């Protein structure tokens, strides 16, 4: 069974930094696109950043220049480095990945979410 486990959330002051991690585990044949989403209270879940298996990245306009997505394929892990954090970045952050388990077809998996709170 494939699982995604996130870590790295917490409370940070405006202007500060956090690094989120999301590790995939299970009998994995291949991991394709990996993404970070976030959902603030009362708002819809939004895509924050995407990284393909080849390392191509894309970002929401609201985080360009502040956030960096990366991945370590040997560790089946995706990261989100968040700098210059603002109160508007406060949300639950979720990782999502398209994963093909051994003997299966590619499916989308979600992590459990990690809370990021930006406040003084």
C-alpha atoms as a PDB file:
ATOM      1  CA  UNK A   1       0.000   0.000   0.000  1.00  0.00           C
ATOM      2  CA  UNK A   2       1.360   3.396  -0.992  1.00  0.00           C
ATOM      3  CA  UNK A   3       1.394   6.212   1.556  1.00  0.00           C
ATOM      4  CA  UNK A   4       2.506   9.837   1.558  1.00  0.00           C
ATOM      5  CA  UNK A   5       3.687  11.261   4.878  1.00  0.00           C
ATOM      6  CA  UNK A   6       4.293  14.986   5.285  1.00  0.00           C
ATOM      7  CA  UNK A   7       6.366  16.812   7.861  1.00  0.00           C
ATOM      8  CA  UNK A   8       7.839  20.217   8.554  1.00  0.00           C
ATOM      9  CA  UNK A   9       4.840  22.421   9.244  1.00  0.00           C
ATOM     10  CA  UNK A  10       4.568  24.744  12.202  1.00  0.00           C
ATOM     11  CA  UNK A  11       4.273  28.303  13.430  1.00  0.00           C
ATOM     12  CA  UNK A  12       6.570  30.930  11.932  1.00  0.00           C
ATOM     13  CA  UNK A  13       6.732  34.713  12.022  1.00  0.00           C
ATOM     14  CA  UNK A  14       6.132  36.785   8.897  1.00  0.00           C
ATOM     15  CA  UNK A  15       9.284  36.871   6.797  1.00  0.00           C
ATOM     16  CA  UNK A  16      10.427  33.527   8.129  1.00  0.00           C
ATOM     17  CA  UNK A  17      11.064  30.214   6.396  1.00  0.00           C
ATOM     18  CA  UNK A  18       9.873  26.630   6.609  1.00  0.00           C
ATOM     19  CA  UNK A  19      10.729  23.494   4.691  1.00  0.00           C
ATOM     20  CA  UNK A  20       8.051  20.871   4.112  1.00  0.00           C
ATOM     21  CA  UNK A  21       8.841  17.278   3.233  1.00  0.00           C
ATOM     22  CA  UNK A  22       6.644  14.532   1.834  1.00  0.00           C
ATOM     23  CA  UNK A  23       7.923  10.970   1.627  1.00  0.00           C
ATOM     24  CA  UNK A  24       6.261   8.204  -0.335  1.00  0.00           C
ATOM     25  CA  UNK A  25       6.458   4.654   0.958  1.00  0.00           C
ATOM     26  CA  UNK A  26       5.227   1.268  -0.193  1.00  0.00           C
ATOM     27  CA  UNK A  27       5.943  -0.993  -3.130  1.00  0.00           C
ATOM     28  CA  UNK A  28       6.563   1.751  -5.680  1.00  0.00           C
ATOM     29  CA  UNK A  29       7.462   1.200  -9.292  1.00  0.00           C
ATOM     30  CA  UNK A  30       7.557   4.830 -10.387  1.00  0.00           C
ATOM     31  CA  UNK A  31       6.573   8.314  -9.217  1.00  0.00           C
ATOM     32  CA  UNK A  32       5.526  10.824 -11.816  1.00  0.00           C
ATOM     33  CA  UNK A  33       4.357  14.371 -11.086  1.00  0.00           C
ATOM     34  CA  UNK A  34       4.500  15.531  -7.465  1.00  0.00           C
ATOM     35  CA  UNK A  35       2.616  18.591  -6.234  1.00  0.00           C
ATOM     36  CA  UNK A  36       1.986  20.714  -3.189  1.00  0.00           C
ATOM     37  CA  UNK A  37      -1.495  22.088  -2.545  1.00  0.00           C
ATOM     38  CA  UNK A  38      -2.810  24.219   0.286  1.00  0.00           C
ATOM     39  CA  UNK A  39      -6.192  24.970   1.783  1.00  0.00           C
ATOM     40  CA  UNK A  40      -6.880  27.952   3.994  1.00  0.00           C
ATOM     41  CA  UNK A  41      -9.967  28.110   6.240  1.00  0.00           C
ATOM     42  CA  UNK A  42     -13.078  28.847   4.201  1.00  0.00           C
ATOM     43  CA  UNK A  43     -11.228  28.605   0.892  1.00  0.00           C
ATOM     44  CA  UNK A  44     -10.870  25.993  -1.808  1.00  0.00           C
ATOM     45  CA  UNK A  45      -7.772  23.853  -2.054  1.00  0.00           C
ATOM     46  CA  UNK A  46      -5.305  25.462  -4.456  1.00  0.00           C
ATOM     47  CA  UNK A  47      -2.273  24.196  -6.329  1.00  0.00           C
ATOM     48  CA  UNK A  48       0.924  25.779  -5.036  1.00  0.00           C
ATOM     49  CA  UNK A  49       3.732  24.066  -6.944  1.00  0.00           C
ATOM     50  CA  UNK A  50       4.379  21.152  -9.284  1.00  0.00           C
ATOM     51  CA  UNK A  51       7.470  19.177 -10.223  1.00  0.00           C
ATOM     52  CA  UNK A  52       7.590  16.554 -12.961  1.00  0.00           C
ATOM     53  CA  UNK A  53       9.659  13.397 -12.901  1.00  0.00           C
ATOM     54  CA  UNK A  54      12.152  15.216 -15.098  1.00  0.00           C
ATOM     55  CA  UNK A  55      12.466  18.122 -12.692  1.00  0.00           C
ATOM     56  CA  UNK A  56      10.366  20.693 -14.515  1.00  0.00           C
ATOM     57  CA  UNK A  57       8.643  23.042 -12.052  1.00  0.00           C
ATOM     58  CA  UNK A  58       5.656  25.350 -12.041  1.00  0.00           C
ATOM     59  CA  UNK A  59       4.336  27.694  -9.362  1.00  0.00           C
ATOM     60  CA  UNK A  60       1.228  29.619  -8.451  1.00  0.00           C
ATOM     61  CA  UNK A  61       1.713  33.339  -9.045  1.00  0.00           C
ATOM     62  CA  UNK A  62       1.223  34.031  -5.341  1.00  0.00           C
ATOM     63  CA  UNK A  63       4.350  32.056  -4.369  1.00  0.00           C
ATOM     64  CA  UNK A  64       6.694  32.647  -7.317  1.00  0.00           C
ATOM     65  CA  UNK A  65      10.087  33.820  -6.170  1.00  0.00           C
ATOM     66  CA  UNK A  66       9.422  32.774  -2.555  1.00  0.00           C
ATOM     67  CA  UNK A  67       8.769  29.023  -2.696  1.00  0.00           C
ATOM     68  CA  UNK A  68      10.909  26.309  -4.267  1.00  0.00           C
ATOM     69  CA  UNK A  69       9.767  22.767  -4.985  1.00  0.00           C
ATOM     70  CA  UNK A  70      12.329  20.001  -5.354  1.00  0.00           C
ATOM     71  CA  UNK A  71      12.483  16.232  -5.211  1.00  0.00           C
ATOM     72  CA  UNK A  72      14.893  13.460  -4.327  1.00  0.00           C
ATOM     73  CA  UNK A  73      13.954  10.506  -6.493  1.00  0.00           C
ATOM     74  CA  UNK A  74      16.256   8.145  -4.603  1.00  0.00           C
ATOM     75  CA  UNK A  75      14.304   8.902  -1.417  1.00  0.00           C
ATOM     76  CA  UNK A  76      10.850   9.155  -3.077  1.00  0.00           C
ATOM     77  CA  UNK A  77      10.536  12.539  -1.408  1.00  0.00           C
ATOM     78  CA  UNK A  78       9.331  15.964  -2.483  1.00  0.00           C
ATOM     79  CA  UNK A  79      10.190  19.185  -0.657  1.00  0.00           C
ATOM     80  CA  UNK A  80       8.757  22.672  -0.485  1.00  0.00           C
ATOM     81  CA  UNK A  81      11.136  25.387   0.686  1.00  0.00           C
ATOM     82  CA  UNK A  82       9.071  28.393   1.733  1.00  0.00           C
ATOM     83  CA  UNK A  83      10.808  31.717   2.272  1.00  0.00           C
ATOM     84  CA  UNK A  84       9.552  35.238   3.002  1.00  0.00           C
ATOM     85  CA  UNK A  85       6.382  33.768   4.443  1.00  0.00           C
ATOM     86  CA  UNK A  86       3.296  35.947   4.747  1.00  0.00           C
ATOM     87  CA  UNK A  87       0.159  35.591   6.881  1.00  0.00           C
ATOM     88  CA  UNK A  88      -1.734  34.778   3.662  1.00  0.00           C
ATOM     89  CA  UNK A  89       0.378  31.621   3.367  1.00  0.00           C
ATOM     90  CA  UNK A  90      -1.346  30.214   6.447  1.00  0.00           C
ATOM     91  CA  UNK A  91      -3.052  26.979   5.430  1.00  0.00           C
ATOM     92  CA  UNK A  92      -2.954  23.223   5.627  1.00  0.00           C
ATOM     93  CA  UNK A  93      -0.433  22.044   3.047  1.00  0.00           C
ATOM     94  CA  UNK A  94      -0.971  18.747   1.249  1.00  0.00           C
ATOM     95  CA  UNK A  95       1.307  16.815  -1.036  1.00  0.00           C
ATOM     96  CA  UNK A  96      -0.070  14.911  -3.983  1.00  0.00           C
ATOM     97  CA  UNK A  97       1.736  12.477  -6.218  1.00  0.00           C
ATOM     98  CA  UNK A  98       0.980  10.309  -9.208  1.00  0.00           C
ATOM     99  CA  UNK A  99       2.434   6.943  -8.249  1.00  0.00           C
ATOM    100  CA  UNK A 100       2.543   3.626  -9.987  1.00  0.00           C
ATOM    101  CA  UNK A 101       2.801   0.757  -7.565  1.00  0.00           C
ATOM    102  CA  UNK A 102       4.526  -2.367  -8.756  1.00  0.00           C
ATOM    103  CA  UNK A 103       2.035  -4.306 -10.850  1.00  0.00           C
ATOM    104  CA  UNK A 104      -0.489  -1.464 -10.874  1.00  0.00           C
ATOM    105  CA  UNK A 105      -1.509   1.604 -12.840  1.00  0.00           C
ATOM    106  CA  UNK A 106      -0.619   5.210 -11.949  1.00  0.00           C
ATOM    107  CA  UNK A 107      -2.930   6.622  -9.298  1.00  0.00           C
ATOM    108  CA  UNK A 108      -3.096   9.913  -7.402  1.00  0.00           C
ATOM    109  CA  UNK A 109      -2.253   9.787  -3.712  1.00  0.00           C
ATOM    110  CA  UNK A 110      -2.627  12.478  -1.030  1.00  0.00           C
ATOM    111  CA  UNK A 111      -0.763  13.115   2.159  1.00  0.00           C
ATOM    112  CA  UNK A 112      -2.563  13.788   5.432  1.00  0.00           C
ATOM    113  CA  UNK A 113      -1.724  17.494   5.452  1.00  0.00           C
ATOM    114  CA  UNK A 114       0.519  19.639   7.614  1.00  0.00           C
ATOM    115  CA  UNK A 115      -0.459  22.955   9.190  1.00  0.00           C
ATOM    116  CA  UNK A 116       1.547  26.073   8.377  1.00  0.00           C
ATOM    117  CA  UNK A 117       0.719  29.164  10.413  1.00  0.00           C
ATOM    118  CA  UNK A 118       2.375  32.507   9.713  1.00  0.00           C
ATOM    119  CA  UNK A 119       1.750  34.930  12.539  1.00  0.00           C
ATOM    120  CA  UNK A 120       3.545  37.336  14.825  1.00  0.00           C
END
